[in-house]
Amino acid sequence: MADLTAKDIIAGMPRHFNPAHADGINADVQLHLTGNQGGDWVVSLRSGHCSVAPGTVANPRVNLSADAQDFVGVVSGRVNPMLAFMMGKLKVQGDMALAARFPSMFGSA
């Protein structure tokens, strides 16, 4: 089995979305990943549904930036997200409460 990529994880987000953990949230989260397998994606959380589209959106509620490999490490549990944030490998702008809640909205990749 090939290693999981950032694109695999992002494509799987709608399938792993748990609407019970996103009650009352209507927001866009911008993912900006650099390096190999990088790119820009918008994760839209609306009325208990999650959709993902490539590209950018003006005025996302949260903007998450990281190297694609660091993103995979955080999502897969190989990298501690707080440590990645403190080391500047994971950058967050915008609604910090939503950013902290965001991972709990998804089951395992």
N, C-alpha and C. Protein backbone atom coordinates (compact mmCIF):
# COMPACT_ATOMS: atom_id res chain seq x y z
N MET A 1 0.84 -1.18 0.00
CA MET A 1 0.00 0.00 0.00
C MET A 1 0.88 1.24 0.00
N ALA A 2 0.57 2.19 -0.85
CA ALA A 2 1.35 3.43 -0.94
C ALA A 2 1.08 4.30 0.28
N ASP A 3 2.05 5.14 0.58
CA ASP A 3 1.87 6.07 1.69
C ASP A 3 0.73 7.03 1.39
N LEU A 4 0.05 7.43 2.43
CA LEU A 4 -1.02 8.39 2.34
C LEU A 4 -0.44 9.76 1.99
N THR A 5 -1.06 10.46 1.04
CA THR A 5 -0.60 11.79 0.65
C THR A 5 -1.56 12.85 1.18
N ALA A 6 -1.12 14.09 1.14
CA ALA A 6 -1.98 15.20 1.55
C ALA A 6 -3.25 15.22 0.68
N LYS A 7 -3.10 14.98 -0.61
CA LYS A 7 -4.26 14.98 -1.51
C LYS A 7 -5.25 13.87 -1.13
N ASP A 8 -4.74 12.69 -0.74
CA ASP A 8 -5.61 11.60 -0.30
C ASP A 8 -6.40 12.00 0.94
N ILE A 9 -5.71 12.60 1.88
CA ILE A 9 -6.35 13.02 3.14
C ILE A 9 -7.43 14.05 2.86
N ILE A 10 -7.10 15.06 2.08
CA ILE A 10 -8.05 16.13 1.78
C ILE A 10 -9.25 15.58 1.01
N ALA A 11 -9.01 14.72 0.03
CA ALA A 11 -10.12 14.13 -0.73
C ALA A 11 -11.04 13.31 0.16
N GLY A 12 -10.49 12.71 1.21
CA GLY A 12 -11.29 11.87 2.11
C GLY A 12 -12.00 12.62 3.21
N MET A 13 -11.74 13.91 3.35
CA MET A 13 -12.34 14.67 4.45
C MET A 13 -13.88 14.61 4.47
N PRO A 14 -14.57 14.78 3.35
CA PRO A 14 -16.04 14.69 3.41
C PRO A 14 -16.54 13.32 3.89
N ARG A 15 -15.85 12.26 3.54
CA ARG A 15 -16.27 10.91 3.99
C ARG A 15 -16.06 10.71 5.48
N HIS A 16 -15.06 11.36 6.04
CA HIS A 16 -14.72 11.18 7.45
C HIS A 16 -15.31 12.27 8.35
N PHE A 17 -16.08 13.15 7.76
CA PHE A 17 -16.66 14.27 8.50
C PHE A 17 -17.72 13.78 9.48
N ASN A 18 -17.66 14.29 10.71
CA ASN A 18 -18.64 13.95 11.74
C ASN A 18 -19.44 15.22 12.05
N PRO A 19 -20.65 15.34 11.48
CA PRO A 19 -21.42 16.59 11.66
C PRO A 19 -21.77 16.88 13.12
N ALA A 20 -21.81 15.87 13.96
CA ALA A 20 -22.11 16.10 15.38
C ALA A 20 -21.04 16.96 16.05
N HIS A 21 -19.83 16.95 15.51
CA HIS A 21 -18.74 17.74 16.07
C HIS A 21 -18.63 19.12 15.44
N ALA A 22 -19.53 19.42 14.51
CA ALA A 22 -19.49 20.71 13.80
C ALA A 22 -20.80 21.47 13.96
N ASP A 23 -21.53 21.16 15.01
CA ASP A 23 -22.83 21.78 15.25
C ASP A 23 -22.72 23.30 15.26
N GLY A 24 -23.52 23.94 14.44
CA GLY A 24 -23.56 25.39 14.41
C GLY A 24 -22.46 26.07 13.62
N ILE A 25 -21.59 25.32 12.99
CA ILE A 25 -20.48 25.93 12.25
C ILE A 25 -20.83 26.05 10.78
N ASN A 26 -20.71 27.27 10.29
CA ASN A 26 -20.83 27.57 8.87
C ASN A 26 -19.62 28.42 8.53
N ALA A 27 -18.62 27.78 7.94
CA ALA A 27 -17.35 28.47 7.72
C ALA A 27 -16.55 27.81 6.61
N ASP A 28 -15.62 28.58 6.08
CA ASP A 28 -14.64 28.06 5.14
C ASP A 28 -13.29 28.01 5.83
N VAL A 29 -12.57 26.91 5.62
CA VAL A 29 -11.21 26.76 6.12
C VAL A 29 -10.31 26.63 4.90
N GLN A 30 -9.34 27.51 4.80
CA GLN A 30 -8.39 27.50 3.69
C GLN A 30 -7.17 26.67 4.08
N LEU A 31 -6.85 25.68 3.26
CA LEU A 31 -5.63 24.89 3.45
C LEU A 31 -4.63 25.32 2.39
N HIS A 32 -3.46 25.72 2.83
CA HIS A 32 -2.38 26.10 1.91
C HIS A 32 -1.19 25.21 2.24
N LEU A 33 -0.93 24.24 1.37
CA LEU A 33 0.16 23.29 1.59
C LEU A 33 1.26 23.54 0.57
N THR A 34 2.49 23.56 1.06
CA THR A 34 3.64 23.81 0.20
C THR A 34 4.41 22.51 -0.01
N GLY A 35 5.39 22.57 -0.88
CA GLY A 35 6.26 21.42 -1.12
C GLY A 35 5.62 20.38 -2.02
N ASN A 36 6.24 19.19 -2.04
CA ASN A 36 5.75 18.09 -2.86
C ASN A 36 4.33 17.72 -2.43
N GLN A 37 3.42 17.59 -3.36
CA GLN A 37 2.00 17.29 -3.12
C GLN A 37 1.25 18.48 -2.52
N GLY A 38 1.83 19.68 -2.59
CA GLY A 38 1.18 20.86 -2.04
C GLY A 38 0.09 21.39 -2.95
N GLY A 39 -0.57 22.41 -2.47
CA GLY A 39 -1.63 23.06 -3.23
C GLY A 39 -2.54 23.81 -2.28
N ASP A 40 -3.60 24.37 -2.83
CA ASP A 40 -4.59 25.11 -2.06
C ASP A 40 -5.94 24.43 -2.17
N TRP A 41 -6.62 24.31 -1.03
CA TRP A 41 -7.94 23.72 -0.98
C TRP A 41 -8.81 24.51 -0.02
N VAL A 42 -10.11 24.51 -0.29
CA VAL A 42 -11.08 25.13 0.59
C VAL A 42 -11.97 24.03 1.16
N VAL A 43 -12.02 23.96 2.48
CA VAL A 43 -12.91 23.03 3.18
C VAL A 43 -14.10 23.86 3.65
N SER A 44 -15.28 23.58 3.08
CA SER A 44 -16.49 24.32 3.43
C SER A 44 -17.33 23.49 4.38
N LEU A 45 -17.65 24.09 5.50
CA LEU A 45 -18.48 23.47 6.52
C LEU A 45 -19.79 24.25 6.55
N ARG A 46 -20.87 23.61 6.11
CA ARG A 46 -22.16 24.29 6.01
C ARG A 46 -23.29 23.35 6.39
N SER A 47 -24.10 23.77 7.34
CA SER A 47 -25.33 23.05 7.70
C SER A 47 -25.09 21.56 7.91
N GLY A 48 -24.04 21.21 8.62
CA GLY A 48 -23.76 19.81 8.92
C GLY A 48 -23.15 19.02 7.78
N HIS A 49 -22.67 19.69 6.75
CA HIS A 49 -22.04 19.04 5.60
C HIS A 49 -20.64 19.60 5.38
N CYS A 50 -19.79 18.76 4.80
CA CYS A 50 -18.42 19.16 4.49
C CYS A 50 -18.18 18.92 3.01
N SER A 51 -17.61 19.91 2.35
CA SER A 51 -17.18 19.74 0.97
C SER A 51 -15.78 20.32 0.84
N VAL A 52 -15.05 19.81 -0.14
CA VAL A 52 -13.68 20.24 -0.38
C VAL A 52 -13.54 20.57 -1.85
N ALA A 53 -12.89 21.68 -2.13
CA ALA A 53 -12.64 22.07 -3.52
C ALA A 53 -11.23 22.64 -3.63
N PRO A 54 -10.57 22.39 -4.75
CA PRO A 54 -9.25 23.00 -4.94
C PRO A 54 -9.42 24.51 -5.12
N GLY A 55 -8.39 25.25 -4.74
CA GLY A 55 -8.40 26.68 -4.95
C GLY A 55 -8.39 27.46 -3.65
N THR A 56 -8.75 28.72 -3.76
CA THR A 56 -8.75 29.61 -2.62
C THR A 56 -10.09 30.30 -2.50
N VAL A 57 -10.32 30.88 -1.35
CA VAL A 57 -11.54 31.64 -1.09
C VAL A 57 -11.14 32.93 -0.39
N ALA A 58 -11.83 34.02 -0.73
CA ALA A 58 -11.58 35.28 -0.03
C ALA A 58 -12.18 35.19 1.36
N ASN A 59 -11.48 35.64 2.35
CA ASN A 59 -11.96 35.73 3.72
C ASN A 59 -12.36 34.40 4.37
N PRO A 60 -11.47 33.41 4.36
CA PRO A 60 -11.79 32.18 5.10
C PRO A 60 -11.81 32.48 6.60
N ARG A 61 -12.57 31.71 7.34
CA ARG A 61 -12.60 31.92 8.80
C ARG A 61 -11.30 31.46 9.45
N VAL A 62 -10.68 30.44 8.84
CA VAL A 62 -9.39 29.93 9.30
C VAL A 62 -8.52 29.69 8.09
N ASN A 63 -7.24 30.02 8.22
CA ASN A 63 -6.26 29.75 7.18
C ASN A 63 -5.17 28.89 7.80
N LEU A 64 -5.03 27.65 7.33
CA LEU A 64 -4.00 26.74 7.82
C LEU A 64 -2.94 26.57 6.75
N SER A 65 -1.67 26.79 7.11
CA SER A 65 -0.56 26.66 6.17
C SER A 65 0.48 25.70 6.75
N ALA A 66 1.00 24.83 5.88
CA ALA A 66 2.03 23.88 6.30
C ALA A 66 2.66 23.25 5.06
N ASP A 67 3.82 22.66 5.26
CA ASP A 67 4.38 21.81 4.23
C ASP A 67 3.48 20.57 4.13
N ALA A 68 3.27 20.08 2.94
CA ALA A 68 2.37 18.93 2.76
C ALA A 68 2.79 17.72 3.60
N GLN A 69 4.09 17.48 3.71
CA GLN A 69 4.56 16.33 4.50
C GLN A 69 4.31 16.54 5.99
N ASP A 70 4.46 17.76 6.47
CA ASP A 70 4.14 18.05 7.87
C ASP A 70 2.65 17.88 8.13
N PHE A 71 1.82 18.31 7.18
CA PHE A 71 0.37 18.15 7.28
C PHE A 71 0.02 16.66 7.41
N VAL A 72 0.60 15.83 6.56
CA VAL A 72 0.36 14.39 6.62
C VAL A 72 0.80 13.85 7.98
N GLY A 73 1.94 14.30 8.45
CA GLY A 73 2.44 13.85 9.76
C GLY A 73 1.49 14.19 10.89
N VAL A 74 0.95 15.40 10.87
CA VAL A 74 0.01 15.83 11.91
C VAL A 74 -1.27 15.00 11.83
N VAL A 75 -1.83 14.88 10.63
CA VAL A 75 -3.10 14.16 10.47
C VAL A 75 -2.95 12.68 10.80
N SER A 76 -1.82 12.10 10.46
CA SER A 76 -1.62 10.67 10.71
C SER A 76 -1.21 10.37 12.15
N GLY A 77 -0.94 11.42 12.93
CA GLY A 77 -0.57 11.22 14.32
C GLY A 77 0.92 11.03 14.55
N ARG A 78 1.72 11.11 13.49
CA ARG A 78 3.18 10.95 13.64
C ARG A 78 3.84 12.23 14.15
N VAL A 79 3.15 13.36 13.99
CA VAL A 79 3.69 14.65 14.43
C VAL A 79 2.67 15.28 15.38
N ASN A 80 3.13 15.74 16.53
CA ASN A 80 2.28 16.40 17.50
C ASN A 80 1.87 17.76 16.95
N PRO A 81 0.55 18.03 16.82
CA PRO A 81 0.12 19.29 16.22
C PRO A 81 0.57 20.52 17.01
N MET A 82 0.56 20.44 18.34
CA MET A 82 0.98 21.59 19.14
C MET A 82 2.46 21.87 18.94
N LEU A 83 3.25 20.82 18.87
CA LEU A 83 4.69 20.99 18.63
C LEU A 83 4.93 21.57 17.23
N ALA A 84 4.19 21.06 16.24
CA ALA A 84 4.33 21.60 14.87
C ALA A 84 3.96 23.08 14.84
N PHE A 85 2.92 23.46 15.57
CA PHE A 85 2.51 24.86 15.63
C PHE A 85 3.59 25.71 16.31
N MET A 86 4.10 25.23 17.44
CA MET A 86 5.10 25.99 18.20
C MET A 86 6.41 26.13 17.42
N MET A 87 6.73 25.13 16.57
CA MET A 87 7.95 25.17 15.78
C MET A 87 7.76 25.95 14.47
N GLY A 88 6.55 26.44 14.23
CA GLY A 88 6.27 27.21 13.02
C GLY A 88 6.04 26.35 11.78
N LYS A 89 5.89 25.03 11.97
CA LYS A 89 5.65 24.15 10.83
C LYS A 89 4.17 24.13 10.45
N LEU A 90 3.32 24.51 11.37
CA LEU A 90 1.88 24.62 11.12
C LEU A 90 1.50 26.03 11.51
N LYS A 91 1.02 26.80 10.54
CA LYS A 91 0.65 28.19 10.78
C LYS A 91 -0.86 28.32 10.70
N VAL A 92 -1.41 29.03 11.66
CA VAL A 92 -2.86 29.22 11.74
C VAL A 92 -3.16 30.70 11.85
N GLN A 93 -4.09 31.15 11.02
CA GLN A 93 -4.56 32.53 11.08
C GLN A 93 -6.08 32.51 11.13
N GLY A 94 -6.65 33.44 11.87
CA GLY A 94 -8.10 33.54 11.93
C GLY A 94 -8.66 33.04 13.24
N ASP A 95 -9.79 32.39 13.17
CA ASP A 95 -10.55 31.93 14.34
C ASP A 95 -9.82 30.74 15.00
N MET A 96 -9.08 31.04 16.05
CA MET A 96 -8.28 30.00 16.72
C MET A 96 -9.17 28.93 17.37
N ALA A 97 -10.34 29.32 17.87
CA ALA A 97 -11.25 28.34 18.48
C ALA A 97 -11.72 27.33 17.43
N LEU A 98 -12.05 27.81 16.25
CA LEU A 98 -12.45 26.90 15.17
C LEU A 98 -11.27 26.04 14.74
N ALA A 99 -10.09 26.62 14.65
CA ALA A 99 -8.90 25.86 14.26
C ALA A 99 -8.63 24.73 15.25
N ALA A 100 -8.81 24.99 16.54
CA ALA A 100 -8.59 23.97 17.55
C ALA A 100 -9.65 22.88 17.47
N ARG A 101 -10.85 23.23 17.09
CA ARG A 101 -11.97 22.29 17.00
C ARG A 101 -11.97 21.49 15.68
N PHE A 102 -11.34 22.03 14.66
CA PHE A 102 -11.38 21.47 13.31
C PHE A 102 -10.98 19.99 13.25
N PRO A 103 -9.87 19.56 13.86
CA PRO A 103 -9.49 18.13 13.75
C PRO A 103 -10.54 17.18 14.33
N SER A 104 -11.24 17.60 15.37
CA SER A 104 -12.23 16.72 16.00
C SER A 104 -13.46 16.49 15.10
N MET A 105 -13.59 17.25 14.03
CA MET A 105 -14.71 17.10 13.12
C MET A 105 -14.53 15.92 12.16
N PHE A 106 -13.36 15.31 12.20
CA PHE A 106 -13.05 14.25 11.25
C PHE A 106 -12.59 13.00 11.98
N GLY A 107 -13.01 11.84 11.48
CA GLY A 107 -12.52 10.59 12.02
C GLY A 107 -11.12 10.33 11.48
N SER A 108 -10.66 9.14 11.59
CA SER A 108 -9.31 8.80 11.11
C SER A 108 -9.26 8.86 9.59
N ALA A 109 -8.11 9.28 9.08
CA ALA A 109 -7.91 9.36 7.62
C ALA A 109 -7.76 7.98 7.08
